[in-house]
Amino acid sequence: MLKRGLPQRFAAEWKRINPRERLMFSLLYYEGLTPTETARTLGCTVSEVLRTVETRFARLSLALGRLPAARARRPRATSTRRMAA
C-alpha cells in the first residue's frame, strides 16, 4: 500500500534534481539507452552517469521514506556493440 502523499513528495523531490540529472534518468529508464550511450549523448563519462544515478536514487529513497540501506538497480555499463556468437 502506498503511503499518503507519496506522489506529491516524489514530484517535489523530482523538481529538486537538476535538469541534466533528470535527463540522465529519462535516457536510461524511459528511452532505454545504456549508460555508455547516455554518457556519449550527454558528453560525460560512464562513471559520472552511474555515480549520479546511484546517488540520486539514494536521495530519492531517503526523501520518500524508504530504507536507507535499500539500493536501487544500478544500470549496467555495457558496450553498444554486440559480440558475434
Protein backbone atom coordinates (compact mmCIF):
# COMPACT_ATOMS: atom_id res chain seq x y z
CA MET A 1 0.00 0.00 0.00
CA LEU A 2 1.31 3.45 -0.92
CA LYS A 3 1.95 5.97 1.78
CA ARG A 4 -0.21 9.06 1.68
CA GLY A 5 1.29 11.92 -0.20
CA LEU A 6 3.90 9.75 -1.90
CA PRO A 7 3.20 11.08 -5.43
CA GLN A 8 3.38 14.66 -4.18
CA ARG A 9 6.64 14.02 -2.32
CA PHE A 10 8.13 12.32 -5.35
CA ALA A 11 7.12 15.24 -7.60
CA ALA A 12 8.64 17.73 -5.16
CA GLU A 13 11.91 15.77 -4.95
CA TRP A 14 11.99 15.26 -8.73
CA LYS A 15 11.85 19.04 -9.21
CA ARG A 16 14.87 19.44 -6.92
CA ILE A 17 17.03 17.31 -9.24
CA ASN A 18 18.80 19.45 -11.80
CA PRO A 19 17.68 19.14 -15.44
CA ARG A 20 20.81 17.33 -16.61
CA GLU A 21 20.39 14.63 -13.98
CA ARG A 22 16.68 14.26 -14.80
CA LEU A 23 17.74 13.82 -18.42
CA MET A 24 20.11 11.01 -17.35
CA PHE A 25 17.20 9.19 -15.70
CA SER A 26 14.99 9.73 -18.72
CA LEU A 27 17.57 8.47 -21.18
CA LEU A 28 18.35 5.40 -19.08
CA TYR A 29 14.94 4.34 -17.89
CA TYR A 30 12.44 5.86 -20.31
CA GLU A 31 14.35 5.79 -23.58
CA GLY A 32 16.19 2.57 -22.67
CA LEU A 33 19.70 3.78 -23.50
CA THR A 34 22.68 2.04 -21.94
CA PRO A 35 24.93 4.02 -19.57
CA THR A 36 27.51 4.14 -22.36
CA GLU A 37 25.00 5.60 -24.82
CA THR A 38 23.73 8.04 -22.20
CA ALA A 39 27.26 9.24 -21.42
CA ARG A 40 28.01 9.67 -25.11
CA THR A 41 24.77 11.62 -25.63
CA LEU A 42 25.47 13.95 -22.70
CA GLY A 43 29.19 14.29 -23.32
CA CYS A 44 30.28 12.89 -19.96
CA THR A 45 31.86 9.71 -18.65
CA VAL A 46 30.05 6.46 -17.97
CA SER A 47 31.22 6.61 -14.36
CA GLU A 48 29.60 10.04 -13.99
CA VAL A 49 26.29 8.65 -15.24
CA LEU A 50 26.44 5.64 -12.91
CA ARG A 51 27.54 7.69 -9.89
CA THR A 52 24.88 10.36 -10.46
CA VAL A 53 22.05 7.88 -10.87
CA GLU A 54 23.09 5.86 -7.82
CA THR A 55 23.40 8.99 -5.68
CA ARG A 56 20.07 10.42 -6.80
CA PHE A 57 18.26 7.11 -6.28
CA ALA A 58 19.59 7.03 -2.73
CA ARG A 59 18.44 10.60 -2.07
CA LEU A 60 15.00 9.95 -3.56
CA SER A 61 14.67 6.81 -1.43
CA LEU A 62 15.52 8.71 1.74
CA ALA A 63 13.17 11.57 0.88
CA LEU A 64 10.32 9.16 0.18
CA GLY A 65 10.81 7.31 3.46
CA ARG A 66 12.43 4.21 2.04
CA LEU A 67 15.04 2.30 3.99
CA PRO A 68 18.46 3.96 3.68
CA ALA A 69 20.07 0.58 3.07
CA ALA A 70 17.85 -0.14 0.07
CA ARG A 71 19.82 0.25 -3.14
CA ALA A 72 18.29 0.93 -6.50
CA ARG A 73 19.02 -1.18 -9.54
CA ARG A 74 22.22 0.24 -10.92
CA PRO A 75 22.35 0.46 -14.71
CA ARG A 76 24.90 -1.87 -16.22
CA ALA A 77 27.77 -0.30 -18.13
CA THR A 78 27.58 -2.19 -21.38
CA SER A 79 29.01 -1.58 -24.76
CA THR A 80 26.66 -0.80 -27.62
CA ARG A 81 28.44 -3.43 -29.70
CA ARG A 82 27.23 -6.98 -29.62
CA MET A 83 29.70 -9.82 -29.71
CA ALA A 84 29.25 -12.32 -32.51
CA ALA A 85 28.21 -15.77 -31.36
